[in-house]
C-alpha atoms as a PDB file:
ATOM      1  CA  UNK A   1     -93.626   0.362  44.728  1.00  0.00           C
ATOM      2  CA  UNK A   2     -96.179   3.052  45.416  1.00  0.00           C
ATOM      3  CA  UNK A   3     -96.597   6.786  45.069  1.00  0.00           C
ATOM      4  CA  UNK A   4     -97.712   9.240  47.738  1.00  0.00           C
ATOM      5  CA  UNK A   5    -101.337  10.175  47.166  1.00  0.00           C
ATOM      6  CA  UNK A   6    -101.930  13.799  48.089  1.00  0.00           C
ATOM      7  CA  UNK A   7    -103.580  16.641  46.156  1.00  0.00           C
ATOM      8  CA  UNK A   8    -100.126  18.171  45.512  1.00  0.00           C
ATOM      9  CA  UNK A   9     -98.749  14.881  44.198  1.00  0.00           C
ATOM     10  CA  UNK A  10    -101.700  14.364  41.885  1.00  0.00           C
ATOM     11  CA  UNK A  11    -101.357  17.939  40.605  1.00  0.00           C
ATOM     12  CA  UNK A  12     -97.583  17.559  40.088  1.00  0.00           C
ATOM     13  CA  UNK A  13     -98.173  14.449  37.989  1.00  0.00           C
ATOM     14  CA  UNK A  14    -100.818  16.323  36.003  1.00  0.00           C
ATOM     15  CA  UNK A  15     -98.380  19.188  35.330  1.00  0.00           C
ATOM     16  CA  UNK A  16     -95.559  16.807  34.380  1.00  0.00           C
ATOM     17  CA  UNK A  17     -97.858  14.856  32.076  1.00  0.00           C
ATOM     18  CA  UNK A  18     -99.025  18.044  30.370  1.00  0.00           C
ATOM     19  CA  UNK A  19     -95.561  19.525  29.755  1.00  0.00           C
ATOM     20  CA  UNK A  20     -93.057  16.649  29.536  1.00  0.00           C
ATOM     21  CA  UNK A  21     -92.538  14.350  26.607  1.00  0.00           C
ATOM     22  CA  UNK A  22     -93.382  10.710  27.393  1.00  0.00           C
ATOM     23  CA  UNK A  23     -89.635   9.989  27.789  1.00  0.00           C
ATOM     24  CA  UNK A  24     -89.104  12.845  30.233  1.00  0.00           C
ATOM     25  CA  UNK A  25     -92.262  11.971  32.155  1.00  0.00           C
ATOM     26  CA  UNK A  26     -91.106   8.366  32.587  1.00  0.00           C
ATOM     27  CA  UNK A  27     -87.668   9.646  33.660  1.00  0.00           C
ATOM     28  CA  UNK A  28     -89.315  11.801  36.335  1.00  0.00           C
ATOM     29  CA  UNK A  29     -91.388   8.888  37.609  1.00  0.00           C
ATOM     30  CA  UNK A  30     -88.359   6.579  37.628  1.00  0.00           C
ATOM     31  CA  UNK A  31     -86.384   9.233  39.515  1.00  0.00           C
ATOM     32  CA  UNK A  32     -88.944   9.091  42.301  1.00  0.00           C
ATOM     33  CA  UNK A  33     -89.069   5.297  42.293  1.00  0.00           C
ATOM     34  CA  UNK A  34     -85.274   4.834  42.338  1.00  0.00           C
ATOM     35  CA  UNK A  35     -85.062   7.391  45.166  1.00  0.00           C
ATOM     36  CA  UNK A  36     -87.832   5.850  47.270  1.00  0.00           C
ATOM     37  CA  UNK A  37     -86.406   2.351  46.808  1.00  0.00           C
ATOM     38  CA  UNK A  38     -82.907   3.515  47.778  1.00  0.00           C
ATOM     39  CA  UNK A  39     -84.289   5.292  50.851  1.00  0.00           C
ATOM     40  CA  UNK A  40     -86.248   2.237  51.947  1.00  0.00           C
ATOM     41  CA  UNK A  41     -83.289  -0.120  51.521  1.00  0.00           C
ATOM     42  CA  UNK A  42     -80.928   2.251  53.350  1.00  0.00           C
ATOM     43  CA  UNK A  43     -83.185   3.477  56.158  1.00  0.00           C
ATOM     44  CA  UNK A  44     -83.328   7.074  54.956  1.00  0.00           C
ATOM     45  CA  UNK A  45     -86.339   8.954  56.308  1.00  0.00           C
ATOM     46  CA  UNK A  46     -87.748  11.421  53.784  1.00  0.00           C
ATOM     47  CA  UNK A  47     -90.788  13.534  53.008  1.00  0.00           C
ATOM     48  CA  UNK A  48     -92.498  11.515  50.253  1.00  0.00           C
ATOM     49  CA  UNK A  49     -94.743  14.324  49.046  1.00  0.00           C
ATOM     50  CA  UNK A  50     -91.873  16.805  48.801  1.00  0.00           C
ATOM     51  CA  UNK A  51     -89.648  14.315  46.979  1.00  0.00           C
ATOM     52  CA  UNK A  52     -92.426  13.272  44.594  1.00  0.00           C
ATOM     53  CA  UNK A  53     -93.295  16.858  43.634  1.00  0.00           C
ATOM     54  CA  UNK A  54     -89.595  17.653  43.144  1.00  0.00           C
ATOM     55  CA  UNK A  55     -89.127  14.532  41.007  1.00  0.00           C
ATOM     56  CA  UNK A  56     -92.093  15.390  38.795  1.00  0.00           C
ATOM     57  CA  UNK A  57     -90.930  18.989  38.288  1.00  0.00           C
ATOM     58  CA  UNK A  58     -87.119  18.698  38.394  1.00  0.00           C
ATOM     59  CA  UNK A  59     -86.697  18.984  34.595  1.00  0.00           C
ATOM     60  CA  UNK A  60     -89.668  21.279  33.879  1.00  0.00           C
ATOM     61  CA  UNK A  61     -87.169  24.071  33.162  1.00  0.00           C
ATOM     62  CA  UNK A  62     -86.104  22.158  30.040  1.00  0.00           C
ATOM     63  CA  UNK A  63     -89.550  22.273  28.486  1.00  0.00           C
ATOM     64  CA  UNK A  64     -90.170  24.965  25.858  1.00  0.00           C
ATOM     65  CA  UNK A  65     -92.894  26.574  27.952  1.00  0.00           C
ATOM     66  CA  UNK A  66     -90.690  27.020  31.040  1.00  0.00           C
ATOM     67  CA  UNK A  67     -87.181  27.216  29.589  1.00  0.00           C
ATOM     68  CA  UNK A  68     -85.412  30.354  30.803  1.00  0.00           C
ATOM     69  CA  UNK A  69     -82.872  32.103  28.655  1.00  0.00           C
ATOM     70  CA  UNK A  70     -81.283  33.730  31.683  1.00  0.00           C
ATOM     71  CA  UNK A  71     -80.944  31.022  34.345  1.00  0.00           C
ATOM     72  CA  UNK A  72     -79.984  27.327  34.276  1.00  0.00           C
ATOM     73  CA  UNK A  73     -82.846  24.890  33.792  1.00  0.00           C
ATOM     74  CA  UNK A  74     -82.651  23.573  37.358  1.00  0.00           C
ATOM     75  CA  UNK A  75     -83.065  27.095  38.743  1.00  0.00           C
ATOM     76  CA  UNK A  76     -85.979  27.750  36.363  1.00  0.00           C
ATOM     77  CA  UNK A  77     -87.519  24.467  37.511  1.00  0.00           C
ATOM     78  CA  UNK A  78     -87.046  25.487  41.128  1.00  0.00           C
ATOM     79  CA  UNK A  79     -88.939  28.713  40.459  1.00  0.00           C
ATOM     80  CA  UNK A  80     -91.763  26.812  38.758  1.00  0.00           C
ATOM     81  CA  UNK A  81     -91.934  24.451  41.752  1.00  0.00           C
ATOM     82  CA  UNK A  82     -92.038  27.414  44.152  1.00  0.00           C
ATOM     83  CA  UNK A  83     -95.019  28.825  42.251  1.00  0.00           C
ATOM     84  CA  UNK A  84     -96.594  25.355  42.125  1.00  0.00           C
ATOM     85  CA  UNK A  85     -96.205  25.085  45.904  1.00  0.00           C
ATOM     86  CA  UNK A  86     -97.858  28.471  46.384  1.00  0.00           C
ATOM     87  CA  UNK A  87    -100.802  27.267  44.312  1.00  0.00           C
ATOM     88  CA  UNK A  88    -100.932  24.099  46.405  1.00  0.00           C
ATOM     89  CA  UNK A  89    -101.196  26.227  49.556  1.00  0.00           C
ATOM     90  CA  UNK A  90     -97.760  25.252  50.868  1.00  0.00           C
ATOM     91  CA  UNK A  91     -96.118  27.618  53.371  1.00  0.00           C
ATOM     92  CA  UNK A  92     -93.145  29.642  52.119  1.00  0.00           C
ATOM     93  CA  UNK A  93     -90.602  27.361  53.837  1.00  0.00           C
ATOM     94  CA  UNK A  94     -91.933  24.268  52.042  1.00  0.00           C
ATOM     95  CA  UNK A  95     -91.909  26.105  48.697  1.00  0.00           C
ATOM     96  CA  UNK A  96     -88.265  27.040  49.311  1.00  0.00           C
ATOM     97  CA  UNK A  97     -87.464  23.411  50.146  1.00  0.00           C
ATOM     98  CA  UNK A  98     -88.916  22.024  46.916  1.00  0.00           C
ATOM     99  CA  UNK A  99     -86.988  24.648  44.929  1.00  0.00           C
ATOM    100  CA  UNK A 100     -83.765  23.717  46.793  1.00  0.00           C
ATOM    101  CA  UNK A 101     -84.239  20.017  46.112  1.00  0.00           C
ATOM    102  CA  UNK A 102     -84.672  20.697  42.399  1.00  0.00           C
ATOM    103  CA  UNK A 103     -81.627  22.966  42.178  1.00  0.00           C
ATOM    104  CA  UNK A 104     -79.510  20.492  44.144  1.00  0.00           C
ATOM    105  CA  UNK A 105     -80.365  17.547  41.893  1.00  0.00           C
ATOM    106  CA  UNK A 106     -77.627  18.878  39.590  1.00  0.00           C
ATOM    107  CA  UNK A 107     -74.965  18.947  42.308  1.00  0.00           C
ATOM    108  CA  UNK A 108     -72.216  16.329  42.312  1.00  0.00           C
ATOM    109  CA  UNK A 109     -73.332  15.171  45.731  1.00  0.00           C
ATOM    110  CA  UNK A 110     -75.860  16.226  48.367  1.00  0.00           C
ATOM    111  CA  UNK A 111     -75.269  15.284  52.008  1.00  0.00           C
ATOM    112  CA  UNK A 112     -78.040  12.934  53.109  1.00  0.00           C
ATOM    113  CA  UNK A 113     -77.831  14.163  56.720  1.00  0.00           C
ATOM    114  CA  UNK A 114     -78.376  17.779  55.666  1.00  0.00           C
ATOM    115  CA  UNK A 115     -80.947  17.245  52.897  1.00  0.00           C
ATOM    116  CA  UNK A 116     -82.364  13.723  52.487  1.00  0.00           C
ATOM    117  CA  UNK A 117     -84.748  14.684  49.663  1.00  0.00           C
ATOM    118  CA  UNK A 118     -81.995  16.565  47.805  1.00  0.00           C
ATOM    119  CA  UNK A 119     -79.662  13.612  48.260  1.00  0.00           C
ATOM    120  CA  UNK A 120     -82.249  11.144  47.020  1.00  0.00           C
ATOM    121  CA  UNK A 121     -83.173  13.177  43.928  1.00  0.00           C
ATOM    122  CA  UNK A 122     -79.530  13.876  43.076  1.00  0.00           C
ATOM    123  CA  UNK A 123     -78.705  10.173  43.364  1.00  0.00           C
ATOM    124  CA  UNK A 124     -81.769   8.865  41.530  1.00  0.00           C
ATOM    125  CA  UNK A 125     -81.414  11.257  38.605  1.00  0.00           C
ATOM    126  CA  UNK A 126     -77.717  10.350  38.323  1.00  0.00           C
ATOM    127  CA  UNK A 127     -78.717   6.674  38.268  1.00  0.00           C
ATOM    128  CA  UNK A 128     -81.294   7.270  35.553  1.00  0.00           C
ATOM    129  CA  UNK A 129     -79.187   9.588  33.393  1.00  0.00           C
ATOM    130  CA  UNK A 130     -75.495   8.748  33.782  1.00  0.00           C
ATOM    131  CA  UNK A 131     -75.809   5.233  35.194  1.00  0.00           C
ATOM    132  CA  UNK A 132     -74.105   6.028  38.493  1.00  0.00           C
ATOM    133  CA  UNK A 133     -74.602   3.311  41.146  1.00  0.00           C
ATOM    134  CA  UNK A 134     -77.221   1.443  39.099  1.00  0.00           C
ATOM    135  CA  UNK A 135     -75.734  -1.811  40.397  1.00  0.00           C
ATOM    136  CA  UNK A 136     -77.369  -0.962  43.739  1.00  0.00           C
ATOM    137  CA  UNK A 137     -80.869  -1.234  42.271  1.00  0.00           C
ATOM    138  CA  UNK A 138     -82.238  -4.726  43.006  1.00  0.00           C
ATOM    139  CA  UNK A 139     -82.858  -6.689  39.801  1.00  0.00           C
ATOM    140  CA  UNK A 140     -86.562  -7.176  40.488  1.00  0.00           C
ATOM    141  CA  UNK A 141     -87.068  -3.443  41.135  1.00  0.00           C
ATOM    142  CA  UNK A 142     -85.093  -2.533  38.041  1.00  0.00           C
ATOM    143  CA  UNK A 143     -87.073  -4.908  35.818  1.00  0.00           C
ATOM    144  CA  UNK A 144     -90.462  -3.806  37.131  1.00  0.00           C
ATOM    145  CA  UNK A 145     -89.755  -0.076  36.959  1.00  0.00           C
ATOM    146  CA  UNK A 146     -88.299  -0.262  33.454  1.00  0.00           C
ATOM    147  CA  UNK A 147     -91.199  -2.413  32.279  1.00  0.00           C
ATOM    148  CA  UNK A 148     -93.831  -0.041  33.662  1.00  0.00           C
ATOM    149  CA  UNK A 149     -91.958   3.193  32.820  1.00  0.00           C
ATOM    150  CA  UNK A 150     -89.683   2.445  29.829  1.00  0.00           C
ATOM    151  CA  UNK A 151     -86.878   4.751  28.773  1.00  0.00           C
ATOM    152  CA  UNK A 152     -88.384   5.333  25.294  1.00  0.00           C
ATOM    153  CA  UNK A 153     -86.308   8.050  23.530  1.00  0.00           C
ATOM    154  CA  UNK A 154     -84.687   9.401  26.711  1.00  0.00           C
ATOM    155  CA  UNK A 155     -81.090   8.994  25.530  1.00  0.00           C
ATOM    156  CA  UNK A 156     -81.612  11.033  22.376  1.00  0.00           C
ATOM    157  CA  UNK A 157     -83.999  13.594  23.874  1.00  0.00           C
ATOM    158  CA  UNK A 158     -82.117  14.248  27.095  1.00  0.00           C
ATOM    159  CA  UNK A 159     -78.720  14.500  25.404  1.00  0.00           C
ATOM    160  CA  UNK A 160     -80.141  17.013  22.906  1.00  0.00           C
ATOM    161  CA  UNK A 161     -81.724  19.065  25.718  1.00  0.00           C
ATOM    162  CA  UNK A 162     -78.502  19.166  27.728  1.00  0.00           C
ATOM    163  CA  UNK A 163     -76.364  20.078  24.720  1.00  0.00           C
ATOM    164  CA  UNK A 164     -78.786  22.844  23.790  1.00  0.00           C
ATOM    165  CA  UNK A 165     -78.890  24.139  27.384  1.00  0.00           C
ATOM    166  CA  UNK A 166     -75.091  24.090  27.513  1.00  0.00           C
ATOM    167  CA  UNK A 167     -74.705  25.974  24.252  1.00  0.00           C
ATOM    168  CA  UNK A 168     -77.060  28.753  25.359  1.00  0.00           C
ATOM    169  CA  UNK A 169     -75.814  28.852  28.946  1.00  0.00           C
ATOM    170  CA  UNK A 170     -72.078  28.031  28.796  1.00  0.00           C
ATOM    171  CA  UNK A 171     -71.476  28.723  32.502  1.00  0.00           C
ATOM    172  CA  UNK A 172     -74.295  26.380  33.622  1.00  0.00           C
ATOM    173  CA  UNK A 173     -73.894  22.997  35.272  1.00  0.00           C
ATOM    174  CA  UNK A 174     -75.546  21.488  32.166  1.00  0.00           C
ATOM    175  CA  UNK A 175     -72.712  22.855  30.020  1.00  0.00           C
ATOM    176  CA  UNK A 176     -70.148  21.426  32.437  1.00  0.00           C
ATOM    177  CA  UNK A 177     -71.822  18.016  32.362  1.00  0.00           C
ATOM    178  CA  UNK A 178     -71.831  18.049  28.549  1.00  0.00           C
ATOM    179  CA  UNK A 179     -68.130  19.004  28.480  1.00  0.00           C
ATOM    180  CA  UNK A 180     -67.375  16.143  30.892  1.00  0.00           C
ATOM    181  CA  UNK A 181     -69.017  13.574  28.591  1.00  0.00           C
ATOM    182  CA  UNK A 182     -72.606  13.289  29.821  1.00  0.00           C
ATOM    183  CA  UNK A 183     -74.034  12.307  26.401  1.00  0.00           C
ATOM    184  CA  UNK A 184     -71.630   9.340  26.256  1.00  0.00           C
ATOM    185  CA  UNK A 185     -72.449   8.271  29.833  1.00  0.00           C
ATOM    186  CA  UNK A 186     -76.140   8.542  29.046  1.00  0.00           C
ATOM    187  CA  UNK A 187     -75.717   6.336  25.971  1.00  0.00           C
ATOM    188  CA  UNK A 188     -73.759   3.728  27.997  1.00  0.00           C
ATOM    189  CA  UNK A 189     -76.160   3.701  30.963  1.00  0.00           C
ATOM    190  CA  UNK A 190     -76.804   0.048  31.965  1.00  0.00           C
ATOM    191  CA  UNK A 191     -80.493   0.917  32.388  1.00  0.00           C
ATOM    192  CA  UNK A 192     -80.745   1.301  28.602  1.00  0.00           C
ATOM    193  CA  UNK A 193     -80.950  -2.467  28.361  1.00  0.00           C
END
């Protein structure tokens, strides 16, 4: 269990630490770890730096400082990541990719052959939030990750954020997830312990 160590990764962690609550920060870190573990166990080649930056910033659009009143939080987060990538000196294509990965993390499914990083972030965030496919996480990985990056108040905080996003943006994917019972799935997630 290790993290990519690049200037962009260190900066993404710094940004996430500055703007996320401890619960949301741990969720972002776990999202990367679940994704990297799944990729390793299933032979999925991926760009570790791109995935790590996307994982750290995928929910930044929920924070008060970056919440948009006009676009869904995942799109706002994609825009923040694009700007972050510009500051990191990434070429335009790489900035577009990180924004795509963040937007796609809210999709029902992302094709691994078309977008491995998008697939991995979509899957890992679904594991961490709604409990989808958590049985695939090896027990020793699960125990270590949850010990080092506990869930804290994630259930309460994340449910409140999604409900609030859905109320303000009724046509958003967040609103659809709330209508389909996301708060209940979050509360029943086996990762809660």
